[in-house]
Amino acid sequence: TITQQAARWNAFKKDLNNASTLVWLFSELETSVNILDVTMAIENNKI
């Protein structure tokens, strides 16, 4: 369900932040992201 999916996403973020002294920054779930000098996008089920 949407609630279960959100719970898994939040558990993942919490697990990463508890795994070390690093603080991880997350963007919201979306279909495109700018990483380094590249924009990655999912369109028509393709990256």
All heavy atoms as atom14 arrays in JSON, in Angstrom:
{
  "sequence": "TITQQAARWNAFKKDLNNASTLVWLFSELETSVNILDVTMAIENNKI",
  "atom14_mask": [
    [1, 1, 1, 1, 1, 1, 1, 0, 0, 0, 0, 0, 0, 0],
    [1, 1, 1, 1, 1, 1, 1, 1, 0, 0, 0, 0, 0, 0],
    [1, 1, 1, 1, 1, 1, 1, 0, 0, 0, 0, 0, 0, 0],
    [1, 1, 1, 1, 1, 1, 1, 1, 1, 0, 0, 0, 0, 0],
    [1, 1, 1, 1, 1, 1, 1, 1, 1, 0, 0, 0, 0, 0],
    [1, 1, 1, 1, 1, 0, 0, 0, 0, 0, 0, 0, 0, 0],
    [1, 1, 1, 1, 1, 0, 0, 0, 0, 0, 0, 0, 0, 0],
    [1, 1, 1, 1, 1, 1, 1, 1, 1, 1, 1, 0, 0, 0],
    [1, 1, 1, 1, 1, 1, 1, 1, 1, 1, 1, 1, 1, 1],
    [1, 1, 1, 1, 1, 1, 1, 1, 0, 0, 0, 0, 0, 0],
    [1, 1, 1, 1, 1, 0, 0, 0, 0, 0, 0, 0, 0, 0],
    [1, 1, 1, 1, 1, 1, 1, 1, 1, 1, 1, 0, 0, 0],
    [1, 1, 1, 1, 1, 1, 1, 1, 1, 0, 0, 0, 0, 0],
    [1, 1, 1, 1, 1, 1, 1, 1, 1, 0, 0, 0, 0, 0],
    [1, 1, 1, 1, 1, 1, 1, 1, 0, 0, 0, 0, 0, 0],
    [1, 1, 1, 1, 1, 1, 1, 1, 0, 0, 0, 0, 0, 0],
    [1, 1, 1, 1, 1, 1, 1, 1, 0, 0, 0, 0, 0, 0],
    [1, 1, 1, 1, 1, 1, 1, 1, 0, 0, 0, 0, 0, 0],
    [1, 1, 1, 1, 1, 0, 0, 0, 0, 0, 0, 0, 0, 0],
    [1, 1, 1, 1, 1, 1, 0, 0, 0, 0, 0, 0, 0, 0],
    [1, 1, 1, 1, 1, 1, 1, 0, 0, 0, 0, 0, 0, 0],
    [1, 1, 1, 1, 1, 1, 1, 1, 0, 0, 0, 0, 0, 0],
    [1, 1, 1, 1, 1, 1, 1, 0, 0, 0, 0, 0, 0, 0],
    [1, 1, 1, 1, 1, 1, 1, 1, 1, 1, 1, 1, 1, 1],
    [1, 1, 1, 1, 1, 1, 1, 1, 0, 0, 0, 0, 0, 0],
    [1, 1, 1, 1, 1, 1, 1, 1, 1, 1, 1, 0, 0, 0],
    [1, 1, 1, 1, 1, 1, 0, 0, 0, 0, 0, 0, 0, 0],
    [1, 1, 1, 1, 1, 1, 1, 1, 1, 0, 0, 0, 0, 0],
    [1, 1, 1, 1, 1, 1, 1, 1, 0, 0, 0, 0, 0, 0],
    [1, 1, 1, 1, 1, 1, 1, 1, 1, 0, 0, 0, 0, 0],
    [1, 1, 1, 1, 1, 1, 1, 0, 0, 0, 0, 0, 0, 0],
    [1, 1, 1, 1, 1, 1, 0, 0, 0, 0, 0, 0, 0, 0],
    [1, 1, 1, 1, 1, 1, 1, 0, 0, 0, 0, 0, 0, 0],
    [1, 1, 1, 1, 1, 1, 1, 1, 0, 0, 0, 0, 0, 0],
    [1, 1, 1, 1, 1, 1, 1, 1, 0, 0, 0, 0, 0, 0],
    [1, 1, 1, 1, 1, 1, 1, 1, 0, 0, 0, 0, 0, 0],
    [1, 1, 1, 1, 1, 1, 1, 1, 0, 0, 0, 0, 0, 0],
    [1, 1, 1, 1, 1, 1, 1, 0, 0, 0, 0, 0, 0, 0],
    [1, 1, 1, 1, 1, 1, 1, 0, 0, 0, 0, 0, 0, 0],
    [1, 1, 1, 1, 1, 1, 1, 1, 0, 0, 0, 0, 0, 0],
    [1, 1, 1, 1, 1, 0, 0, 0, 0, 0, 0, 0, 0, 0],
    [1, 1, 1, 1, 1, 1, 1, 1, 0, 0, 0, 0, 0, 0],
    [1, 1, 1, 1, 1, 1, 1, 1, 1, 0, 0, 0, 0, 0],
    [1, 1, 1, 1, 1, 1, 1, 1, 0, 0, 0, 0, 0, 0],
    [1, 1, 1, 1, 1, 1, 1, 1, 0, 0, 0, 0, 0, 0],
    [1, 1, 1, 1, 1, 1, 1, 1, 1, 0, 0, 0, 0, 0],
    [1, 1, 1, 1, 1, 1, 1, 1, 0, 0, 0, 0, 0, 0]
  ],
  "atom14_positions": [
    [[0.85, -1.19, 0.0], [0.0, 0.0, 0.0], [0.89, 1.24, 0.0], [2.09, 1.16, 0.26], [-0.9, 0.03, 1.25], [-0.05, 0.18, 2.41], [-1.75, -1.23, 1.36], [0.0, 0.0, 0.0], [0.0, 0.0, 0.0], [0.0, 0.0, 0.0], [0.0, 0.0, 0.0], [0.0, 0.0, 0.0], [0.0, 0.0, 0.0], [0.0, 0.0, 0.0]],
    [[0.3, 2.39, -0.27], [1.04, 3.65, -0.23], [1.65, 3.86, 1.16], [2.79, 4.3, 1.28], [0.12, 4.84, -0.6], [-0.42, 4.69, -2.03], [0.81, 6.17, -0.39], [0.65, 4.77, -3.09], [0.0, 0.0, 0.0], [0.0, 0.0, 0.0], [0.0, 0.0, 0.0], [0.0, 0.0, 0.0], [0.0, 0.0, 0.0], [0.0, 0.0, 0.0]],
    [[0.91, 3.51, 2.19], [1.41, 3.65, 3.56], [2.61, 2.75, 3.79], [3.61, 3.16, 4.4], [0.29, 3.33, 4.57], [-0.82, 4.19, 4.31], [0.76, 3.51, 5.99], [0.0, 0.0, 0.0], [0.0, 0.0, 0.0], [0.0, 0.0, 0.0], [0.0, 0.0, 0.0], [0.0, 0.0, 0.0], [0.0, 0.0, 0.0], [0.0, 0.0, 0.0]],
    [[2.54, 1.51, 3.32], [3.67, 0.58, 3.47], [4.89, 1.07, 2.67], [6.02, 0.97, 3.14], [3.27, -0.81, 3.0], [2.28, -1.51, 3.91], [1.72, -2.78, 3.28], [1.51, -2.85, 2.07], [1.46, -3.78, 4.12], [0.0, 0.0, 0.0], [0.0, 0.0, 0.0], [0.0, 0.0, 0.0], [0.0, 0.0, 0.0], [0.0, 0.0, 0.0]],
    [[4.65, 1.59, 1.47], [5.75, 2.1, 0.65], [6.43, 3.27, 1.36], [7.67, 3.34, 1.41], [5.23, 2.54, -0.72], [4.76, 1.4, -1.59], [4.11, 1.87, -2.87], [4.17, 3.04, -3.23], [3.47, 0.94, -3.57], [0.0, 0.0, 0.0], [0.0, 0.0, 0.0], [0.0, 0.0, 0.0], [0.0, 0.0, 0.0], [0.0, 0.0, 0.0]],
    [[5.64, 4.18, 1.91], [6.21, 5.33, 2.64], [6.97, 4.86, 3.87], [8.05, 5.41, 4.18], [5.1, 6.3, 3.03], [0.0, 0.0, 0.0], [0.0, 0.0, 0.0], [0.0, 0.0, 0.0], [0.0, 0.0, 0.0], [0.0, 0.0, 0.0], [0.0, 0.0, 0.0], [0.0, 0.0, 0.0], [0.0, 0.0, 0.0], [0.0, 0.0, 0.0]],
    [[6.46, 3.86, 4.55], [7.13, 3.33, 5.75], [8.49, 2.73, 5.38], [9.48, 2.91, 6.1], [6.25, 2.29, 6.44], [0.0, 0.0, 0.0], [0.0, 0.0, 0.0], [0.0, 0.0, 0.0], [0.0, 0.0, 0.0], [0.0, 0.0, 0.0], [0.0, 0.0, 0.0], [0.0, 0.0, 0.0], [0.0, 0.0, 0.0], [0.0, 0.0, 0.0]],
    [[8.56, 2.01, 4.26], [9.83, 1.42, 3.8], [10.84, 2.52, 3.46], [12.02, 2.44, 3.8], [9.61, 0.53, 2.59], [8.93, -0.77, 2.85], [9.84, -1.81, 3.45], [10.84, -2.26, 2.48], [11.85, -3.05, 2.79], [12.0, -3.5, 4.01], [12.72, -3.42, 1.87], [0.0, 0.0, 0.0], [0.0, 0.0, 0.0], [0.0, 0.0, 0.0]],
    [[10.39, 3.56, 2.76], [11.26, 4.67, 2.39], [11.79, 5.37, 3.65], [12.98, 5.65, 3.76], [10.49, 5.64, 1.49], [11.22, 6.9, 1.16], [10.83, 8.17, 1.48], [12.43, 7.06, 0.42], [11.73, 9.08, 1.0], [12.73, 8.43, 0.34], [13.31, 6.16, -0.19], [13.85, 8.92, -0.31], [14.43, 6.65, -0.84], [14.7, 8.02, -0.9]],
    [[10.91, 5.61, 4.61], [11.34, 6.26, 5.85], [12.26, 5.37, 6.67], [13.22, 5.86, 7.29], [10.12, 6.69, 6.67], [9.4, 7.85, 6.02], [10.02, 8.71, 5.41], [8.09, 7.88, 6.15], [0.0, 0.0, 0.0], [0.0, 0.0, 0.0], [0.0, 0.0, 0.0], [0.0, 0.0, 0.0], [0.0, 0.0, 0.0], [0.0, 0.0, 0.0]],
    [[12.03, 4.06, 6.67], [12.92, 3.13, 7.36], [14.3, 3.12, 6.72], [15.32, 3.09, 7.43], [12.32, 1.72, 7.35], [0.0, 0.0, 0.0], [0.0, 0.0, 0.0], [0.0, 0.0, 0.0], [0.0, 0.0, 0.0], [0.0, 0.0, 0.0], [0.0, 0.0, 0.0], [0.0, 0.0, 0.0], [0.0, 0.0, 0.0], [0.0, 0.0, 0.0]],
    [[14.35, 3.16, 5.4], [15.62, 3.21, 4.68], [16.41, 4.45, 5.07], [17.6, 4.38, 5.39], [15.36, 3.17, 3.17], [16.58, 3.43, 2.34], [17.6, 2.5, 2.28], [16.7, 4.59, 1.6], [18.73, 2.73, 1.52], [17.82, 4.83, 0.82], [18.84, 3.89, 0.78], [0.0, 0.0, 0.0], [0.0, 0.0, 0.0], [0.0, 0.0, 0.0]],
    [[15.76, 5.6, 5.07], [16.44, 6.85, 5.43], [16.96, 6.79, 6.87], [18.09, 7.18, 7.14], [15.51, 8.05, 5.24], [15.14, 8.29, 3.79], [14.39, 9.59, 3.56], [13.05, 9.62, 4.22], [12.28, 10.85, 3.89], [0.0, 0.0, 0.0], [0.0, 0.0, 0.0], [0.0, 0.0, 0.0], [0.0, 0.0, 0.0], [0.0, 0.0, 0.0]],
    [[16.14, 6.26, 7.76], [16.54, 6.14, 9.17], [17.72, 5.18, 9.32], [18.67, 5.47, 10.05], [15.36, 5.68, 10.01], [15.64, 5.61, 11.48], [14.42, 5.18, 12.26], [14.76, 5.07, 13.73], [13.62, 4.61, 14.52], [0.0, 0.0, 0.0], [0.0, 0.0, 0.0], [0.0, 0.0, 0.0], [0.0, 0.0, 0.0], [0.0, 0.0, 0.0]],
    [[17.67, 4.04, 8.64], [18.77, 3.07, 8.71], [20.08, 3.67, 8.23], [21.13, 3.45, 8.83], [18.45, 1.82, 7.88], [17.46, 0.9, 8.55], [17.13, 1.13, 9.74], [17.0, -0.05, 7.89], [0.0, 0.0, 0.0], [0.0, 0.0, 0.0], [0.0, 0.0, 0.0], [0.0, 0.0, 0.0], [0.0, 0.0, 0.0], [0.0, 0.0, 0.0]],
    [[20.04, 4.43, 7.14], [21.27, 5.05, 6.64], [21.82, 6.06, 7.65], [23.02, 6.1, 7.91], [21.03, 5.75, 5.3], [21.22, 4.89, 4.07], [20.96, 5.71, 2.81], [22.6, 4.28, 4.0], [0.0, 0.0, 0.0], [0.0, 0.0, 0.0], [0.0, 0.0, 0.0], [0.0, 0.0, 0.0], [0.0, 0.0, 0.0], [0.0, 0.0, 0.0]],
    [[20.96, 6.88, 8.21], [21.43, 7.89, 9.16], [21.89, 7.28, 10.47], [22.7, 7.88, 11.17], [20.36, 8.95, 9.38], [20.37, 9.98, 8.26], [21.42, 10.43, 7.84], [19.2, 10.34, 7.78], [0.0, 0.0, 0.0], [0.0, 0.0, 0.0], [0.0, 0.0, 0.0], [0.0, 0.0, 0.0], [0.0, 0.0, 0.0], [0.0, 0.0, 0.0]],
    [[21.42, 6.07, 10.8], [21.88, 5.4, 12.01], [23.11, 4.53, 11.79], [23.7, 4.04, 12.74], [20.75, 4.54, 12.6], [19.65, 5.37, 13.2], [19.86, 6.52, 13.59], [18.45, 4.81, 13.26], [0.0, 0.0, 0.0], [0.0, 0.0, 0.0], [0.0, 0.0, 0.0], [0.0, 0.0, 0.0], [0.0, 0.0, 0.0], [0.0, 0.0, 0.0]],
    [[23.5, 4.33, 10.53], [24.6, 3.4, 10.2], [25.97, 3.97, 10.51], [26.94, 3.21, 10.61], [24.52, 3.0, 8.73], [0.0, 0.0, 0.0], [0.0, 0.0, 0.0], [0.0, 0.0, 0.0], [0.0, 0.0, 0.0], [0.0, 0.0, 0.0], [0.0, 0.0, 0.0], [0.0, 0.0, 0.0], [0.0, 0.0, 0.0], [0.0, 0.0, 0.0]],
    [[26.09, 5.28, 10.65], [27.4, 5.88, 10.86], [27.22, 7.28, 11.42], [26.12, 7.7, 11.73], [28.18, 5.93, 9.55], [27.59, 6.89, 8.69], [0.0, 0.0, 0.0], [0.0, 0.0, 0.0], [0.0, 0.0, 0.0], [0.0, 0.0, 0.0], [0.0, 0.0, 0.0], [0.0, 0.0, 0.0], [0.0, 0.0, 0.0], [0.0, 0.0, 0.0]],
    [[28.32, 7.99, 11.5], [28.26, 9.38, 11.95], [27.91, 10.33, 10.81], [27.73, 11.52, 11.04], [29.6, 9.81, 12.56], [30.63, 9.65, 11.58], [29.92, 8.99, 13.79], [0.0, 0.0, 0.0], [0.0, 0.0, 0.0], [0.0, 0.0, 0.0], [0.0, 0.0, 0.0], [0.0, 0.0, 0.0], [0.0, 0.0, 0.0], [0.0, 0.0, 0.0]],
    [[27.81, 9.82, 9.59], [27.43, 10.65, 8.46], [25.97, 11.07, 8.57], [25.15, 10.35, 9.12], [27.6, 9.89, 7.14], [29.02, 9.49, 6.75], [28.98, 8.66, 5.47], [29.89, 10.71, 6.55], [0.0, 0.0, 0.0], [0.0, 0.0, 0.0], [0.0, 0.0, 0.0], [0.0, 0.0, 0.0], [0.0, 0.0, 0.0], [0.0, 0.0, 0.0]],
    [[25.67, 12.24, 8.04], [24.29, 12.69, 7.93], [23.95, 12.67, 6.45], [24.59, 13.34, 5.65], [24.11, 14.11, 8.51], [22.69, 14.6, 8.29], [24.46, 14.13, 9.99], [0.0, 0.0, 0.0], [0.0, 0.0, 0.0], [0.0, 0.0, 0.0], [0.0, 0.0, 0.0], [0.0, 0.0, 0.0], [0.0, 0.0, 0.0], [0.0, 0.0, 0.0]],
    [[22.96, 11.87, 6.09], [22.57, 11.71, 4.7], [21.47, 12.7, 4.35], [20.54, 12.9, 5.14], [22.09, 10.28, 4.45], [23.15, 9.26, 4.65], [23.68, 8.84, 5.83], [23.84, 8.54, 3.63], [24.65, 7.89, 5.6], [24.77, 7.68, 4.27], [23.74, 8.51, 2.24], [25.6, 6.83, 3.56], [24.58, 7.65, 1.54], [25.5, 6.83, 2.2]],
    [[21.57, 13.3, 3.18], [20.54, 14.21, 2.69], [19.77, 13.51, 1.59], [20.36, 12.95, 0.67], [21.18, 15.49, 2.15], [22.04, 16.27, 3.14], [22.7, 17.45, 2.45], [21.22, 16.73, 4.33], [0.0, 0.0, 0.0], [0.0, 0.0, 0.0], [0.0, 0.0, 0.0], [0.0, 0.0, 0.0], [0.0, 0.0, 0.0], [0.0, 0.0, 0.0]],
    [[18.46, 13.53, 1.67], [17.6, 12.85, 0.71], [16.73, 13.86, 0.0], [16.21, 14.78, 0.62], [16.68, 11.85, 1.42], [17.4, 10.73, 2.1], [17.84, 10.86, 3.4], [17.64, 9.55, 1.43], [18.51, 9.83, 4.03], [18.31, 8.51, 2.05], [18.75, 8.65, 3.35], [0.0, 0.0, 0.0], [0.0, 0.0, 0.0], [0.0, 0.0, 0.0]],
    [[16.54, 13.64, -1.29], [15.51, 14.39, -1.99], [14.22, 13.6, -1.86], [14.22, 12.43, -1.48], [15.89, 14.58, -3.46], [15.91, 13.34, -4.13], [0.0, 0.0, 0.0], [0.0, 0.0, 0.0], [0.0, 0.0, 0.0], [0.0, 0.0, 0.0], [0.0, 0.0, 0.0], [0.0, 0.0, 0.0], [0.0, 0.0, 0.0], [0.0, 0.0, 0.0]],
    [[13.13, 14.25, -2.16], [11.87, 13.52, -2.18], [11.89, 12.55, -3.36], [12.66, 12.74, -4.32], [10.7, 14.5, -2.32], [10.49, 15.37, -1.09], [10.26, 14.55, 0.17], [9.46, 13.6, 0.14], [10.88, 14.88, 1.2], [0.0, 0.0, 0.0], [0.0, 0.0, 0.0], [0.0, 0.0, 0.0], [0.0, 0.0, 0.0], [0.0, 0.0, 0.0]],
    [[11.06, 11.54, -3.3], [10.97, 10.6, -4.42], [10.39, 11.35, -5.62], [9.35, 11.98, -5.52], [10.09, 9.41, -4.04], [10.63, 8.53, -2.91], [9.6, 7.48, -2.54], [11.93, 7.89, -3.31], [0.0, 0.0, 0.0], [0.0, 0.0, 0.0], [0.0, 0.0, 0.0], [0.0, 0.0, 0.0], [0.0, 0.0, 0.0], [0.0, 0.0, 0.0]],
    [[11.1, 11.31, -6.72], [10.65, 11.97, -7.94], [11.22, 11.25, -9.15], [12.01, 10.33, -9.0], [11.03, 13.45, -7.93], [12.49, 13.72, -7.59], [12.73, 15.18, -7.3], [12.25, 16.03, -8.06], [13.42, 15.48, -6.32], [0.0, 0.0, 0.0], [0.0, 0.0, 0.0], [0.0, 0.0, 0.0], [0.0, 0.0, 0.0], [0.0, 0.0, 0.0]],
    [[10.85, 11.65, -10.33], [11.28, 10.94, -11.53], [12.51, 11.54, -12.2], [12.97, 11.02, -13.2], [10.14, 10.89, -12.57], [9.74, 12.22, -12.88], [8.96, 10.09, -12.04], [0.0, 0.0, 0.0], [0.0, 0.0, 0.0], [0.0, 0.0, 0.0], [0.0, 0.0, 0.0], [0.0, 0.0, 0.0], [0.0, 0.0, 0.0], [0.0, 0.0, 0.0]],
    [[13.07, 12.62, -11.64], [14.33, 13.16, -12.18], [15.16, 13.73, -11.03], [14.62, 14.12, -9.99], [14.06, 14.23, -13.24], [13.51, 15.38, -12.64], [0.0, 0.0, 0.0], [0.0, 0.0, 0.0], [0.0, 0.0, 0.0], [0.0, 0.0, 0.0], [0.0, 0.0, 0.0], [0.0, 0.0, 0.0], [0.0, 0.0, 0.0], [0.0, 0.0, 0.0]],
    [[16.46, 13.76, -11.26], [17.38, 14.27, -10.24], [18.62, 14.85, -10.93], [19.05, 14.35, -11.97], [17.77, 13.15, -9.24], [18.56, 12.05, -9.92], [18.53, 13.72, -8.07], [0.0, 0.0, 0.0], [0.0, 0.0, 0.0], [0.0, 0.0, 0.0], [0.0, 0.0, 0.0], [0.0, 0.0, 0.0], [0.0, 0.0, 0.0], [0.0, 0.0, 0.0]],
    [[19.17, 15.91, -10.35], [20.44, 16.46, -10.8], [21.51, 15.92, -9.86], [21.44, 16.13, -8.65], [20.43, 17.98, -10.75], [19.45, 18.57, -11.73], [19.31, 18.09, -12.84], [18.75, 19.61, -11.31], [0.0, 0.0, 0.0], [0.0, 0.0, 0.0], [0.0, 0.0, 0.0], [0.0, 0.0, 0.0], [0.0, 0.0, 0.0], [0.0, 0.0, 0.0]],
    [[22.47, 15.2, -10.43], [23.56, 14.63, -9.64], [24.87, 14.97, -10.34], [25.02, 14.7, -11.53], [23.39, 13.1, -9.42], [24.52, 12.53, -8.59], [23.22, 12.36, -10.71], [24.4, 12.77, -7.13], [0.0, 0.0, 0.0], [0.0, 0.0, 0.0], [0.0, 0.0, 0.0], [0.0, 0.0, 0.0], [0.0, 0.0, 0.0], [0.0, 0.0, 0.0]],
    [[25.77, 15.62, -9.61], [27.01, 16.14, -10.17], [26.65, 17.04, -11.36], [25.92, 18.01, -11.18], [27.96, 15.0, -10.52], [28.37, 14.13, -9.32], [29.15, 12.91, -9.77], [29.16, 14.93, -8.31], [0.0, 0.0, 0.0], [0.0, 0.0, 0.0], [0.0, 0.0, 0.0], [0.0, 0.0, 0.0], [0.0, 0.0, 0.0], [0.0, 0.0, 0.0]],
    [[27.09, 16.76, -12.55], [26.77, 17.61, -13.71], [25.77, 16.95, -14.66], [25.71, 17.31, -15.83], [28.06, 17.92, -14.5], [28.99, 18.82, -13.72], [28.5, 19.56, -12.85], [30.2, 18.8, -13.96], [0.0, 0.0, 0.0], [0.0, 0.0, 0.0], [0.0, 0.0, 0.0], [0.0, 0.0, 0.0], [0.0, 0.0, 0.0], [0.0, 0.0, 0.0]],
    [[24.98, 16.02, -14.17], [24.09, 15.24, -15.03], [22.67, 15.3, -14.47], [22.47, 15.26, -13.26], [24.56, 13.77, -15.09], [23.6, 12.91, -15.9], [25.95, 13.68, -15.66], [0.0, 0.0, 0.0], [0.0, 0.0, 0.0], [0.0, 0.0, 0.0], [0.0, 0.0, 0.0], [0.0, 0.0, 0.0], [0.0, 0.0, 0.0], [0.0, 0.0, 0.0]],
    [[21.69, 15.38, -15.36], [20.31, 15.22, -14.96], [19.87, 13.84, -15.4], [19.97, 13.5, -16.58], [19.41, 16.29, -15.62], [19.85, 17.58, -15.19], [17.96, 16.08, -15.23], [0.0, 0.0, 0.0], [0.0, 0.0, 0.0], [0.0, 0.0, 0.0], [0.0, 0.0, 0.0], [0.0, 0.0, 0.0], [0.0, 0.0, 0.0], [0.0, 0.0, 0.0]],
    [[19.42, 13.04, -14.43], [18.91, 11.71, -14.74], [17.39, 11.77, -14.62], [16.87, 12.4, -13.7], [19.45, 10.67, -13.76], [20.92, 10.39, -13.92], [21.58, 9.23, -12.68], [20.34, 8.0, -12.54], [0.0, 0.0, 0.0], [0.0, 0.0, 0.0], [0.0, 0.0, 0.0], [0.0, 0.0, 0.0], [0.0, 0.0, 0.0], [0.0, 0.0, 0.0]],
    [[16.71, 11.09, -15.54], [15.25, 11.08, -15.51], [14.72, 9.73, -15.94], [15.36, 9.03, -16.71], [14.7, 12.16, -16.42], [0.0, 0.0, 0.0], [0.0, 0.0, 0.0], [0.0, 0.0, 0.0], [0.0, 0.0, 0.0], [0.0, 0.0, 0.0], [0.0, 0.0, 0.0], [0.0, 0.0, 0.0], [0.0, 0.0, 0.0], [0.0, 0.0, 0.0]],
    [[13.56, 9.38, -15.41], [12.85, 8.2, -15.84], [11.65, 8.68, -16.65], [10.8, 9.4, -16.15], [12.37, 7.35, -14.65], [13.56, 6.89, -13.82], [11.56, 6.15, -15.15], [13.17, 6.19, -12.53], [0.0, 0.0, 0.0], [0.0, 0.0, 0.0], [0.0, 0.0, 0.0], [0.0, 0.0, 0.0], [0.0, 0.0, 0.0], [0.0, 0.0, 0.0]],
    [[11.64, 8.31, -17.92], [10.54, 8.68, -18.81], [10.18, 7.47, -19.64], [11.06, 6.8, -20.2], [10.95, 9.82, -19.73], [11.22, 11.12, -18.99], [11.72, 12.22, -19.91], [11.93, 11.97, -21.11], [11.93, 13.35, -19.4], [0.0, 0.0, 0.0], [0.0, 0.0, 0.0], [0.0, 0.0, 0.0], [0.0, 0.0, 0.0], [0.0, 0.0, 0.0]],
    [[8.9, 7.16, -19.74], [8.42, 6.01, -20.49], [9.13, 4.73, -20.07], [9.56, 3.92, -20.89], [8.61, 6.23, -22.0], [7.85, 7.45, -22.47], [6.72, 7.7, -22.05], [8.47, 8.23, -23.35], [0.0, 0.0, 0.0], [0.0, 0.0, 0.0], [0.0, 0.0, 0.0], [0.0, 0.0, 0.0], [0.0, 0.0, 0.0], [0.0, 0.0, 0.0]],
    [[9.32, 4.56, -18.75], [9.96, 3.39, -18.16], [11.41, 3.2, -18.59], [11.92, 2.09, -18.58], [9.16, 2.11, -18.43], [7.85, 2.13, -17.69], [7.77, 2.61, -16.57], [6.8, 1.63, -18.33], [0.0, 0.0, 0.0], [0.0, 0.0, 0.0], [0.0, 0.0, 0.0], [0.0, 0.0, 0.0], [0.0, 0.0, 0.0], [0.0, 0.0, 0.0]],
    [[12.07, 4.28, -19.0], [13.5, 4.23, -19.38], [14.25, 5.32, -18.65], [13.71, 6.39, -18.39], [13.64, 4.42, -20.9], [13.06, 3.31, -21.71], [13.28, 3.56, -23.18], [12.63, 2.44, -24.0], [12.79, 2.67, -25.43], [0.0, 0.0, 0.0], [0.0, 0.0, 0.0], [0.0, 0.0, 0.0], [0.0, 0.0, 0.0], [0.0, 0.0, 0.0]],
    [[15.51, 5.03, -18.36], [16.37, 6.04, -17.72], [17.02, 6.86, -18.82], [17.6, 6.35, -19.74], [17.45, 5.37, -16.84], [16.79, 4.56, -15.74], [18.38, 6.42, -16.25], [17.76, 3.72, -14.94], [0.0, 0.0, 0.0], [0.0, 0.0, 0.0], [0.0, 0.0, 0.0], [0.0, 0.0, 0.0], [0.0, 0.0, 0.0], [0.0, 0.0, 0.0]]
  ]
}
